Amino acid sequence: MDKSVFSIVSLSEESDDKEYWHAKTPQERLEAVELMRQINYGYDPTTTRLQRVLKIAQTHIKLYAN
């Protein structure tokens, strides 16, 4: 682990997070939000898509089975 990236600060000190994010483009900010959402919820677009296709295929088979 690269420990030079981390710093320890007091919670009472103001951070430079606002300046950092204001310096980013709206597209970069949205990409960061999407990445954090995927990490937080364990989102995997490949498996989500496969489950949806399988569900549609099973529904289609049931309609013609009767």
Protein backbone atom coordinates (compact mmCIF):
# COMPACT_ATOMS: atom_id res chain seq x y z
CA MET A 1 0.00 0.00 0.00
CA ASP A 2 1.27 3.42 -0.90
CA LYS A 3 1.07 5.31 2.40
CA SER A 4 2.20 8.59 0.84
CA VAL A 5 -1.31 9.07 -0.57
CA PHE A 6 -2.97 9.17 2.85
CA SER A 7 -2.92 11.97 5.37
CA ILE A 8 -4.28 12.29 8.88
CA VAL A 9 -6.16 15.46 9.70
CA SER A 10 -8.42 16.69 12.44
CA LEU A 11 -12.16 16.62 11.79
CA SER A 12 -12.37 20.26 12.84
CA GLU A 13 -10.08 21.33 9.98
CA GLU A 14 -11.66 22.33 6.67
CA SER A 15 -10.90 19.95 3.87
CA ASP A 16 -10.14 20.84 0.28
CA ASP A 17 -12.74 18.37 -1.06
CA LYS A 18 -14.97 21.14 -2.41
CA GLU A 19 -12.12 22.69 -4.35
CA TYR A 20 -11.13 19.30 -5.74
CA TRP A 21 -14.63 18.46 -6.98
CA HIS A 22 -15.30 21.95 -8.32
CA ALA A 23 -12.14 21.61 -10.40
CA LYS A 24 -13.57 18.46 -12.06
CA THR A 25 -15.90 18.56 -15.05
CA PRO A 26 -19.55 17.56 -14.56
CA GLN A 27 -18.83 14.39 -16.57
CA GLU A 28 -15.95 13.44 -14.23
CA ARG A 29 -18.14 14.05 -11.19
CA LEU A 30 -20.93 11.85 -12.56
CA GLU A 31 -18.44 9.10 -13.35
CA ALA A 32 -17.11 9.28 -9.78
CA VAL A 33 -20.64 9.08 -8.35
CA GLU A 34 -21.43 6.09 -10.55
CA LEU A 35 -18.23 4.33 -9.47
CA MET A 36 -19.00 4.92 -5.78
CA ARG A 37 -22.56 3.66 -6.30
CA GLN A 38 -21.30 0.50 -7.98
CA ILE A 39 -18.77 -0.11 -5.21
CA ASN A 40 -21.34 0.52 -2.49
CA TYR A 41 -24.10 -1.67 -3.91
CA GLY A 42 -21.95 -4.30 -5.61
CA TYR A 43 -23.42 -3.49 -8.99
CA ASP A 44 -22.25 -5.64 -11.89
CA PRO A 45 -23.87 -4.65 -15.20
CA THR A 46 -23.06 -8.01 -16.82
CA THR A 47 -24.91 -10.16 -14.30
CA THR A 48 -27.81 -7.75 -14.06
CA ARG A 49 -28.33 -7.88 -17.80
CA LEU A 50 -28.10 -11.68 -17.92
CA GLN A 51 -30.71 -12.08 -15.19
CA ARG A 52 -33.12 -9.83 -17.06
CA VAL A 53 -32.70 -11.77 -20.32
CA LEU A 54 -33.23 -15.07 -18.52
CA LYS A 55 -36.40 -13.77 -16.88
CA ILE A 56 -37.83 -12.65 -20.23
CA ALA A 57 -36.97 -15.99 -21.83
CA GLN A 58 -38.67 -17.92 -19.03
CA THR A 59 -41.79 -15.76 -19.28
CA HIS A 60 -41.90 -16.32 -23.05
CA ILE A 61 -41.71 -20.10 -22.62
CA LYS A 62 -44.52 -20.10 -20.07
CA LEU A 63 -46.86 -18.31 -22.48
CA TYR A 64 -46.50 -20.99 -25.15
CA ALA A 65 -46.47 -23.95 -22.74
CA ASN A 66 -50.17 -23.55 -21.89
